[in-house]
Amino acid sequence: MGIFDKAKDLAGQHSDQVDGLVDKGGDMVDERTGGKFAGQVDQGQDFVKGQYREGEVPPADVPPADAPPAEAPPADAPPAP
């Protein structure tokens, strides 16, 4: 068992405490970005929480960790038909 497996097991055993830390980190990001990325931060929080909770599956709208980031169209691009 590697160090990351041990960390994941410990986080799962103390999920209520880790949830608070994940929420606090997300709140700090929201505060520093003025809430500009609140949706993405919430998705990230849900994904992280799903990683250490036993048997819990992250929401379907959260992309896999190895997925490339979604690209936004240029600001001056015409709307898609």
N, C-alpha and C. Protein backbone atom coordinates (compact mmCIF):
# COMPACT_ATOMS: atom_id res chain seq x y z
N MET A 1 0.86 -1.18 0.00
CA MET A 1 0.00 0.00 0.00
C MET A 1 0.89 1.23 0.00
N GLY A 2 0.66 2.10 -0.97
CA GLY A 2 1.46 3.31 -1.09
C GLY A 2 0.97 4.42 -0.18
N ILE A 3 1.73 5.48 -0.15
CA ILE A 3 1.41 6.62 0.71
C ILE A 3 0.07 7.26 0.32
N PHE A 4 -0.22 7.30 -0.99
CA PHE A 4 -1.48 7.91 -1.41
C PHE A 4 -2.67 7.05 -1.03
N ASP A 5 -2.51 5.74 -1.06
CA ASP A 5 -3.57 4.85 -0.62
C ASP A 5 -3.84 5.03 0.87
N LYS A 6 -2.77 5.18 1.63
CA LYS A 6 -2.93 5.40 3.07
C LYS A 6 -3.63 6.73 3.34
N ALA A 7 -3.24 7.76 2.59
CA ALA A 7 -3.87 9.07 2.77
C ALA A 7 -5.36 9.01 2.41
N LYS A 8 -5.68 8.29 1.34
CA LYS A 8 -7.07 8.16 0.93
C LYS A 8 -7.88 7.42 1.99
N ASP A 9 -7.30 6.36 2.57
CA ASP A 9 -7.97 5.62 3.62
C ASP A 9 -8.22 6.50 4.85
N LEU A 10 -7.20 7.27 5.24
CA LEU A 10 -7.36 8.16 6.39
C LEU A 10 -8.41 9.23 6.12
N ALA A 11 -8.40 9.78 4.92
CA ALA A 11 -9.40 10.80 4.58
C ALA A 11 -10.80 10.21 4.63
N GLY A 12 -10.95 8.96 4.16
CA GLY A 12 -12.25 8.30 4.21
C GLY A 12 -12.73 8.06 5.63
N GLN A 13 -11.80 7.76 6.52
CA GLN A 13 -12.16 7.52 7.92
C GLN A 13 -12.56 8.81 8.64
N HIS A 14 -12.08 9.93 8.15
CA HIS A 14 -12.36 11.23 8.77
C HIS A 14 -13.00 12.17 7.76
N SER A 15 -13.94 11.64 6.99
CA SER A 15 -14.51 12.40 5.88
C SER A 15 -15.19 13.69 6.32
N ASP A 16 -15.79 13.70 7.50
CA ASP A 16 -16.46 14.93 7.95
C ASP A 16 -15.46 16.06 8.14
N GLN A 17 -14.29 15.75 8.66
CA GLN A 17 -13.26 16.78 8.85
C GLN A 17 -12.66 17.20 7.51
N VAL A 18 -12.43 16.24 6.63
CA VAL A 18 -11.85 16.55 5.32
C VAL A 18 -12.84 17.36 4.49
N ASP A 19 -14.13 17.04 4.60
CA ASP A 19 -15.16 17.81 3.88
C ASP A 19 -15.06 19.29 4.24
N GLY A 20 -14.87 19.56 5.52
CA GLY A 20 -14.76 20.95 5.96
C GLY A 20 -13.55 21.65 5.35
N LEU A 21 -12.44 20.93 5.24
CA LEU A 21 -11.24 21.51 4.63
C LEU A 21 -11.43 21.76 3.14
N VAL A 22 -12.08 20.81 2.46
CA VAL A 22 -12.34 20.98 1.02
C VAL A 22 -13.26 22.18 0.81
N ASP A 23 -14.30 22.29 1.63
CA ASP A 23 -15.22 23.43 1.52
C ASP A 23 -14.51 24.75 1.80
N LYS A 24 -13.65 24.75 2.82
CA LYS A 24 -12.91 25.97 3.17
C LYS A 24 -11.98 26.37 2.04
N GLY A 25 -11.31 25.41 1.43
CA GLY A 25 -10.43 25.72 0.30
C GLY A 25 -11.21 26.28 -0.88
N GLY A 26 -12.36 25.68 -1.17
CA GLY A 26 -13.20 26.17 -2.26
C GLY A 26 -13.72 27.57 -1.99
N ASP A 27 -14.09 27.83 -0.75
CA ASP A 27 -14.56 29.17 -0.38
C ASP A 27 -13.45 30.21 -0.56
N MET A 28 -12.21 29.82 -0.23
CA MET A 28 -11.09 30.73 -0.38
C MET A 28 -10.85 31.05 -1.86
N VAL A 29 -10.94 30.03 -2.71
CA VAL A 29 -10.78 30.26 -4.15
C VAL A 29 -11.89 31.18 -4.66
N ASP A 30 -13.13 30.91 -4.25
CA ASP A 30 -14.26 31.76 -4.66
C ASP A 30 -14.04 33.21 -4.23
N GLU A 31 -13.54 33.39 -3.00
CA GLU A 31 -13.32 34.73 -2.48
C GLU A 31 -12.24 35.46 -3.29
N ARG A 32 -11.17 34.76 -3.59
CA ARG A 32 -10.05 35.41 -4.29
C ARG A 32 -10.35 35.65 -5.77
N THR A 33 -11.27 34.89 -6.34
CA THR A 33 -11.62 35.08 -7.75
C THR A 33 -12.92 35.85 -7.91
N GLY A 34 -13.49 36.30 -6.81
CA GLY A 34 -14.74 37.04 -6.87
C GLY A 34 -15.91 36.18 -7.31
N GLY A 35 -15.82 34.88 -7.11
CA GLY A 35 -16.90 33.96 -7.49
C GLY A 35 -16.98 33.70 -8.98
N LYS A 36 -15.99 34.17 -9.73
CA LYS A 36 -16.01 34.05 -11.18
C LYS A 36 -16.02 32.58 -11.64
N PHE A 37 -15.41 31.72 -10.87
CA PHE A 37 -15.32 30.30 -11.23
C PHE A 37 -16.06 29.41 -10.24
N ALA A 38 -17.11 29.92 -9.64
CA ALA A 38 -17.83 29.20 -8.58
C ALA A 38 -18.33 27.84 -9.05
N GLY A 39 -18.85 27.75 -10.27
CA GLY A 39 -19.34 26.47 -10.78
C GLY A 39 -18.24 25.44 -10.90
N GLN A 40 -17.10 25.86 -11.43
CA GLN A 40 -15.98 24.94 -11.58
C GLN A 40 -15.42 24.54 -10.22
N VAL A 41 -15.38 25.48 -9.28
CA VAL A 41 -14.89 25.18 -7.94
C VAL A 41 -15.80 24.16 -7.27
N ASP A 42 -17.11 24.34 -7.41
CA ASP A 42 -18.06 23.40 -6.82
C ASP A 42 -17.89 22.00 -7.41
N GLN A 43 -17.69 21.94 -8.73
CA GLN A 43 -17.46 20.65 -9.37
C GLN A 43 -16.19 20.00 -8.84
N GLY A 44 -15.16 20.79 -8.68
CA GLY A 44 -13.90 20.27 -8.15
C GLY A 44 -14.05 19.76 -6.73
N GLN A 45 -14.80 20.49 -5.92
CA GLN A 45 -15.04 20.06 -4.55
C GLN A 45 -15.79 18.72 -4.53
N ASP A 46 -16.82 18.60 -5.36
CA ASP A 46 -17.58 17.36 -5.42
C ASP A 46 -16.70 16.20 -5.88
N PHE A 47 -15.83 16.47 -6.85
CA PHE A 47 -14.95 15.42 -7.36
C PHE A 47 -13.99 14.96 -6.27
N VAL A 48 -13.38 15.91 -5.57
CA VAL A 48 -12.42 15.56 -4.52
C VAL A 48 -13.11 14.76 -3.42
N LYS A 49 -14.29 15.20 -3.02
CA LYS A 49 -15.02 14.48 -1.98
C LYS A 49 -15.35 13.05 -2.42
N GLY A 50 -15.66 12.87 -3.69
CA GLY A 50 -15.96 11.53 -4.20
C GLY A 50 -14.75 10.63 -4.23
N GLN A 51 -13.56 11.20 -4.21
CA GLN A 51 -12.34 10.40 -4.28
C GLN A 51 -12.06 9.65 -2.98
N TYR A 52 -12.44 10.20 -1.86
CA TYR A 52 -12.10 9.54 -0.60
C TYR A 52 -13.31 8.93 0.11
N ARG A 53 -14.49 9.15 -0.41
CA ARG A 53 -15.67 8.53 0.19
C ARG A 53 -15.87 7.15 -0.41
N GLU A 54 -15.99 6.17 0.43
CA GLU A 54 -16.15 4.78 0.00
C GLU A 54 -17.45 4.58 -0.76
N GLY A 55 -17.33 4.02 -1.95
CA GLY A 55 -18.50 3.63 -2.73
C GLY A 55 -19.31 4.79 -3.29
N GLU A 56 -18.88 5.99 -3.08
CA GLU A 56 -19.64 7.13 -3.58
C GLU A 56 -19.10 7.53 -4.95
N VAL A 57 -19.98 7.74 -5.87
CA VAL A 57 -19.60 8.10 -7.23
C VAL A 57 -19.76 9.60 -7.40
N PRO A 58 -18.75 10.27 -7.98
CA PRO A 58 -18.90 11.71 -8.20
C PRO A 58 -20.03 12.00 -9.18
N PRO A 59 -20.61 13.18 -9.14
CA PRO A 59 -21.69 13.52 -10.06
C PRO A 59 -21.27 13.33 -11.52
N ALA A 60 -22.25 13.02 -12.36
CA ALA A 60 -21.97 12.72 -13.77
C ALA A 60 -21.40 13.91 -14.52
N ASP A 61 -21.68 15.12 -14.08
CA ASP A 61 -21.21 16.29 -14.81
C ASP A 61 -19.77 16.68 -14.47
N VAL A 62 -19.11 15.90 -13.60
CA VAL A 62 -17.72 16.16 -13.27
C VAL A 62 -16.85 15.36 -14.22
N PRO A 63 -16.00 16.03 -15.01
CA PRO A 63 -15.16 15.29 -15.96
C PRO A 63 -14.08 14.49 -15.22
N PRO A 64 -13.57 13.42 -15.84
CA PRO A 64 -12.50 12.66 -15.21
C PRO A 64 -11.27 13.54 -15.00
N ALA A 65 -10.46 13.18 -14.02
CA ALA A 65 -9.29 13.98 -13.68
C ALA A 65 -8.31 14.12 -14.84
N ASP A 66 -8.27 13.13 -15.73
CA ASP A 66 -7.31 13.18 -16.82
C ASP A 66 -7.90 13.79 -18.10
N ALA A 67 -9.12 14.32 -18.02
CA ALA A 67 -9.75 14.95 -19.19
C ALA A 67 -9.12 16.31 -19.45
N PRO A 68 -8.93 16.66 -20.72
CA PRO A 68 -8.36 17.99 -21.02
C PRO A 68 -9.36 19.07 -20.64
N PRO A 69 -8.87 20.25 -20.27
CA PRO A 69 -9.79 21.33 -19.90
C PRO A 69 -10.63 21.77 -21.09
N ALA A 70 -11.85 22.14 -20.81
CA ALA A 70 -12.74 22.62 -21.87
C ALA A 70 -12.26 23.99 -22.32
N GLU A 71 -12.30 24.21 -23.62
CA GLU A 71 -11.86 25.49 -24.14
C GLU A 71 -13.07 26.37 -24.43
N ALA A 72 -12.97 27.60 -24.02
CA ALA A 72 -14.05 28.56 -24.28
C ALA A 72 -13.83 29.17 -25.65
N PRO A 73 -14.92 29.49 -26.36
CA PRO A 73 -14.75 30.14 -27.67
C PRO A 73 -14.21 31.55 -27.46
N PRO A 74 -13.50 32.08 -28.44
CA PRO A 74 -12.99 33.46 -28.31
C PRO A 74 -14.13 34.43 -28.10
N ALA A 75 -13.84 35.49 -27.40
CA ALA A 75 -14.88 36.48 -27.06
C ALA A 75 -15.49 37.11 -28.31
N ASP A 76 -14.72 37.23 -29.39
CA ASP A 76 -15.23 37.88 -30.58
C ASP A 76 -15.80 36.89 -31.61
N ALA A 77 -15.93 35.61 -31.23
CA ALA A 77 -16.47 34.59 -32.14
C ALA A 77 -17.97 34.76 -32.28
N PRO A 78 -18.51 34.55 -33.47
CA PRO A 78 -19.98 34.64 -33.64
C PRO A 78 -20.66 33.47 -32.94
N PRO A 79 -21.90 33.65 -32.51
CA PRO A 79 -22.60 32.57 -31.82
C PRO A 79 -22.79 31.36 -32.75
N ALA A 80 -22.76 30.18 -32.14
CA ALA A 80 -22.95 28.95 -32.91
C ALA A 80 -24.40 28.84 -33.36
N PRO A 81 -24.63 28.33 -34.58
CA PRO A 81 -26.02 28.23 -35.09
C PRO A 81 -26.82 27.19 -34.37
